[in-house]
C-alpha atoms as a PDB file:
ATOM      1  CA  MET A   1      91.447  91.899  94.193  1.00  0.00           C
ATOM      2  CA  GLU A   2      91.149  90.200  91.280  1.00  0.00           C
ATOM      3  CA  LYS A   3      94.175  87.462  91.399  1.00  0.00           C
ATOM      4  CA  TYR A   4      95.905  88.916  88.277  1.00  0.00           C
ATOM      5  CA  ILE A   5      96.335  92.271  88.806  1.00  0.00           C
ATOM      6  CA  TYR A   6      97.925  91.193  92.462  1.00  0.00           C
ATOM      7  CA  ARG A   7     100.275  88.932  91.158  1.00  0.00           C
ATOM      8  CA  ALA A   8     101.095  92.375  88.353  1.00  0.00           C
ATOM      9  CA  LEU A   9     101.685  94.786  91.165  1.00  0.00           C
ATOM     10  CA  VAL A  10     103.667  92.407  93.141  1.00  0.00           C
ATOM     11  CA  ASP A  11     106.237  91.545  89.998  1.00  0.00           C
ATOM     12  CA  TYR A  12     106.319  94.080  88.253  1.00  0.00           C
ATOM     13  CA  ASP A  13     109.730  94.870  87.271  1.00  0.00           C
ATOM     14  CA  PHE A  14     109.467  98.281  86.969  1.00  0.00           C
ATOM     15  CA  ALA A  15     111.673  97.543  83.624  1.00  0.00           C
ATOM     16  CA  GLN A  16     109.599 101.628  83.032  1.00  0.00           C
ATOM     17  CA  PRO A  17     106.979 103.824  84.889  1.00  0.00           C
ATOM     18  CA  ALA A  18     104.064 103.032  85.547  1.00  0.00           C
ATOM     19  CA  VAL A  19     100.597 104.655  88.041  1.00  0.00           C
ATOM     20  CA  LEU A  20      98.715 102.987  89.689  1.00  0.00           C
ATOM     21  CA  CYS A  21      95.224 104.237  89.351  1.00  0.00           C
ATOM     22  CA  ALA A  22      91.827 102.780  92.235  1.00  0.00           C
ATOM     23  CA  GLN A  23      88.607 103.876  91.648  1.00  0.00           C
ATOM     24  CA  LEU A  24      88.489 105.055  95.465  1.00  0.00           C
ATOM     25  CA  GLU A  25      84.119 106.179  94.999  1.00  0.00           C
ATOM     26  CA  HIS A  26      81.698 105.961  93.446  1.00  0.00           C
ATOM     27  CA  LYS A  27      78.562 106.867  93.652  1.00  0.00           C
ATOM     28  CA  GLY A  28      75.126 105.519  91.047  1.00  0.00           C
ATOM     29  CA  SER A  29      75.399 103.702  88.645  1.00  0.00           C
ATOM     30  CA  VAL A  30      79.506 103.083  86.948  1.00  0.00           C
ATOM     31  CA  PRO A  31      80.880 100.566  85.311  1.00  0.00           C
ATOM     32  CA  ARG A  32      82.193  98.743  87.935  1.00  0.00           C
ATOM     33  CA  LYS A  33      81.183  99.403  91.697  1.00  0.00           C
ATOM     34  CA  ASP A  34      84.173  96.153  93.328  1.00  0.00           C
ATOM     35  CA  TYR A  35      87.054  99.545  93.997  1.00  0.00           C
ATOM     36  CA  PRO A  36      89.036  98.456  90.248  1.00  0.00           C
ATOM     37  CA  VAL A  37      92.568  98.812  89.954  1.00  0.00           C
ATOM     38  CA  MET A  38      95.009  99.531  87.155  1.00  0.00           C
ATOM     39  CA  LEU A  39      98.992 100.072  86.578  1.00  0.00           C
ATOM     40  CA  VAL A  40      99.890 101.388  83.232  1.00  0.00           C
ATOM     41  CA  ARG A  41     102.637 101.325  81.924  1.00  0.00           C
ATOM     42  CA  GLU A  42     104.563 104.767  79.893  1.00  0.00           C
ATOM     43  CA  ASP A  43     104.353 102.803  76.383  1.00  0.00           C
ATOM     44  CA  GLY A  44      99.731 102.999  77.739  1.00  0.00           C
ATOM     45  CA  THR A  45      99.701  99.173  77.881  1.00  0.00           C
ATOM     46  CA  SER A  46      97.923  97.725  81.434  1.00  0.00           C
ATOM     47  CA  SER A  47      97.189  95.028  83.799  1.00  0.00           C
ATOM     48  CA  GLY A  48      93.447  95.431  85.407  1.00  0.00           C
ATOM     49  CA  THR A  49      90.854  97.097  84.341  1.00  0.00           C
ATOM     50  CA  ILE A  50      88.981  99.972  86.227  1.00  0.00           C
ATOM     51  CA  GLY A  51      85.810  99.131  84.218  1.00  0.00           C
ATOM     52  CA  GLY A  52      86.312  99.292  80.059  1.00  0.00           C
ATOM     53  CA  GLY A  53      84.969 103.084  77.710  1.00  0.00           C
ATOM     54  CA  ASN A  54      85.653 105.741  77.719  1.00  0.00           C
ATOM     55  CA  MET A  55      86.416 106.381  81.240  1.00  0.00           C
ATOM     56  CA  GLU A  56      89.320 103.849  80.819  1.00  0.00           C
ATOM     57  CA  PHE A  57      90.752 105.456  77.832  1.00  0.00           C
ATOM     58  CA  ALA A  58      90.760 108.751  79.984  1.00  0.00           C
ATOM     59  CA  VAL A  59      92.332 106.904  82.534  1.00  0.00           C
ATOM     60  CA  ILE A  60      95.101 105.623  80.975  1.00  0.00           C
ATOM     61  CA  GLU A  61      95.781 108.739  79.535  1.00  0.00           C
ATOM     62  CA  GLU A  62      95.385 111.127  82.554  1.00  0.00           C
ATOM     63  CA  ALA A  63      98.497 108.396  83.298  1.00  0.00           C
ATOM     64  CA  LYS A  64     100.627 108.687  81.037  1.00  0.00           C
ATOM     65  CA  ARG A  65     100.705 112.536  81.729  1.00  0.00           C
ATOM     66  CA  LEU A  66     101.634 111.837  84.955  1.00  0.00           C
ATOM     67  CA  ILE A  67     104.848 109.642  83.537  1.00  0.00           C
ATOM     68  CA  ASN A  68     105.651 112.510  81.384  1.00  0.00           C
ATOM     69  CA  ASP A  69     105.337 115.503  84.704  1.00  0.00           C
ATOM     70  CA  GLY A  70     107.181 113.654  87.129  1.00  0.00           C
ATOM     71  CA  ALA A  71     104.158 114.585  89.099  1.00  0.00           C
ATOM     72  CA  PRO A  72     103.617 112.874  92.217  1.00  0.00           C
ATOM     73  CA  GLY A  73      99.846 112.277  91.770  1.00  0.00           C
ATOM     74  CA  LYS A  74      95.905 112.872  91.296  1.00  0.00           C
ATOM     75  CA  LEU A  75      92.534 112.550  91.827  1.00  0.00           C
ATOM     76  CA  GLU A  76      90.431 112.510  88.925  1.00  0.00           C
ATOM     77  CA  SER A  77      87.085 112.800  88.901  1.00  0.00           C
ATOM     78  CA  PHE A  78      84.448 111.271  86.552  1.00  0.00           C
ATOM     79  CA  ASP A  79      80.815 112.351  85.916  1.00  0.00           C
ATOM     80  CA  LEU A  80      79.138 108.890  83.600  1.00  0.00           C
ATOM     81  CA  THR A  81      75.625 111.728  83.099  1.00  0.00           C
ATOM     82  CA  ASN A  82      75.573 112.172  79.875  1.00  0.00           C
ATOM     83  CA  GLN A  83      72.673 112.357  78.632  1.00  0.00           C
ATOM     84  CA  THR A  84      73.205 112.326  74.876  1.00  0.00           C
ATOM     85  CA  THR A  85      75.336 109.274  73.710  1.00  0.00           C
ATOM     86  CA  SER A  86      77.343 111.627  71.273  1.00  0.00           C
ATOM     87  CA  ALA A  87      78.453 113.539  73.591  1.00  0.00           C
ATOM     88  CA  LYS A  88      82.472 111.908  75.422  1.00  0.00           C
ATOM     89  CA  GLY A  89      81.595 110.035  77.568  1.00  0.00           C
ATOM     90  CA  SER A  90      79.877 107.975  79.803  1.00  0.00           C
ATOM     91  CA  ILE A  91      75.607 106.879  80.440  1.00  0.00           C
ATOM     92  CA  CYS A  92      76.078 104.874  83.557  1.00  0.00           C
ATOM     93  CA  GLY A  93      74.468 107.521  85.029  1.00  0.00           C
ATOM     94  CA  GLY A  94      76.727 107.653  88.155  1.00  0.00           C
ATOM     95  CA  ALA A  95      79.884 109.314  89.469  1.00  0.00           C
ATOM     96  CA  CYS A  96      83.323 108.297  90.447  1.00  0.00           C
ATOM     97  CA  ARG A  97      87.214 109.209  92.028  1.00  0.00           C
ATOM     98  CA  VAL A  98      89.923 108.082  90.825  1.00  0.00           C
ATOM     99  CA  LEU A  99      93.185 107.816  92.077  1.00  0.00           C
ATOM    100  CA  LEU A 100      96.300 107.836  90.302  1.00  0.00           C
ATOM    101  CA  GLU A 101      99.929 107.685  91.686  1.00  0.00           C
ATOM    102  CA  PRO A 102     103.771 107.207  89.869  1.00  0.00           C
ATOM    103  CA  TYR A 103     103.542 103.194  91.254  1.00  0.00           C
ATOM    104  CA  SER A 104     107.389 102.245  92.871  1.00  0.00           C
ATOM    105  CA  PRO A 105     108.847  99.614  94.553  1.00  0.00           C
ATOM    106  CA  LYS A 106     107.385 101.084  98.041  1.00  0.00           C
ATOM    107  CA  VAL A 107     104.190 100.853  97.352  1.00  0.00           C
ATOM    108  CA  GLN A 108     104.695  97.314  95.608  1.00  0.00           C
ATOM    109  CA  GLU A 109     106.344  95.862  99.390  1.00  0.00           C
ATOM    110  CA  ILE A 110     103.417  97.185 100.658  1.00  0.00           C
ATOM    111  CA  TYR A 111     100.895  95.592  97.744  1.00  0.00           C
ATOM    112  CA  ALA A 112     103.357  91.829  98.998  1.00  0.00           C
ATOM    113  CA  ALA A 113     102.614  92.139 101.938  1.00  0.00           C
ATOM    114  CA  MET A 114      99.237  91.209 101.714  1.00  0.00           C
ATOM    115  CA  ASN A 115      99.510  87.597 101.244  1.00  0.00           C
ATOM    116  CA  LEU A 116      97.945  85.681  98.054  1.00  0.00           C
ATOM    117  CA  PRO A 117      96.220  83.798  99.502  1.00  0.00           C
ATOM    118  CA  GLU A 118      94.230  86.090 101.907  1.00  0.00           C
ATOM    119  CA  LEU A 119      93.169  87.786  99.619  1.00  0.00           C
ATOM    120  CA  GLU A 120      89.929  85.379  99.986  1.00  0.00           C
ATOM    121  CA  ALA A 121      89.462  85.556 102.890  1.00  0.00           C
ATOM    122  CA  PRO A 122      87.457  88.628 103.957  1.00  0.00           C
ATOM    123  CA  GLY A 123      88.108  91.394 106.628  1.00  0.00           C
ATOM    124  CA  LEU A 124      91.487  92.359 104.232  1.00  0.00           C
ATOM    125  CA  ILE A 125      92.196  96.211 104.977  1.00  0.00           C
ATOM    126  CA  LEU A 126      94.329  97.605 103.025  1.00  0.00           C
ATOM    127  CA  VAL A 127      93.424 101.470 104.077  1.00  0.00           C
ATOM    128  CA  THR A 128      94.445 105.145 101.652  1.00  0.00           C
ATOM    129  CA  HIS A 129      94.913 108.299 102.882  1.00  0.00           C
ATOM    130  CA  VAL A 130      94.570 110.602 100.365  1.00  0.00           C
ATOM    131  CA  GLN A 131      95.118 115.357 101.142  1.00  0.00           C
ATOM    132  CA  PRO A 132      94.083 116.215  97.602  1.00  0.00           C
ATOM    133  CA  GLY A 133      95.482 119.384  96.467  1.00  0.00           C
ATOM    134  CA  PRO A 134      98.316 120.214  94.012  1.00  0.00           C
ATOM    135  CA  ASP A 135     100.998 118.522  96.312  1.00  0.00           C
ATOM    136  CA  ILE A 136      98.177 115.497  96.668  1.00  0.00           C
ATOM    137  CA  ARG A 137      99.691 113.207  99.669  1.00  0.00           C
ATOM    138  CA  ILE A 138      99.038 109.237 100.183  1.00  0.00           C
ATOM    139  CA  ASP A 139      99.689 107.446 102.807  1.00  0.00           C
ATOM    140  CA  ARG A 140      99.226 103.718 103.563  1.00  0.00           C
ATOM    141  CA  ALA A 141      97.414 102.157 106.643  1.00  0.00           C
ATOM    142  CA  GLU A 142      99.138  98.867 107.647  1.00  0.00           C
ATOM    143  CA  ILE A 143      97.431  96.039 106.160  1.00  0.00           C
ATOM    144  CA  GLY A 144      95.058  94.731 109.199  1.00  0.00           C
ATOM    145  CA  ARG A 145      92.034  92.580 110.078  1.00  0.00           C
ATOM    146  CA  ALA A 146      88.409  93.709 109.861  1.00  0.00           C
ATOM    147  CA  HIS A 147      86.407  92.015 113.131  1.00  0.00           C
ATOM    148  CA  VAL A 148      83.706  90.095 110.359  1.00  0.00           C
ATOM    149  CA  ARG A 149      80.735  89.269 112.232  1.00  0.00           C
ATOM    150  CA  THR A 150      78.532  85.799 110.473  1.00  0.00           C
ATOM    151  CA  PRO A 151      75.617  86.493 111.264  1.00  0.00           C
ATOM    152  CA  VAL A 152      73.284  84.144 113.474  1.00  0.00           C
END
């Protein structure tokens, strides 16, 4: 996670509702493969990026709808394989899934506990379990360290 988006998550003041958007998986060619995160505010402004273009625009619009509907969150799939450049979407050639969830002080506490200097250390893990469906459930495991083997 990039430092500026981490700082935006930890310092967010909740003056307006926001949605945390995170790419959870990707297949094939997509704009970003580093599991990007973006925070979208009610007015449509954002911090971070999940890759830009039409996909990011669609995610921002979906985040605003989520805020207006008061929904608990959703998992969206994006097909980026359009073969014609005039078609709506992208021609990256892959697909990805993005989790959109209301950003709350509880979620903010989890990110704050990550401790910014530790982001540069290898092996930092935050596990997010998503149970999709009409009543989506999102749980996070405690932050821990993976055992990182040093190549010989």
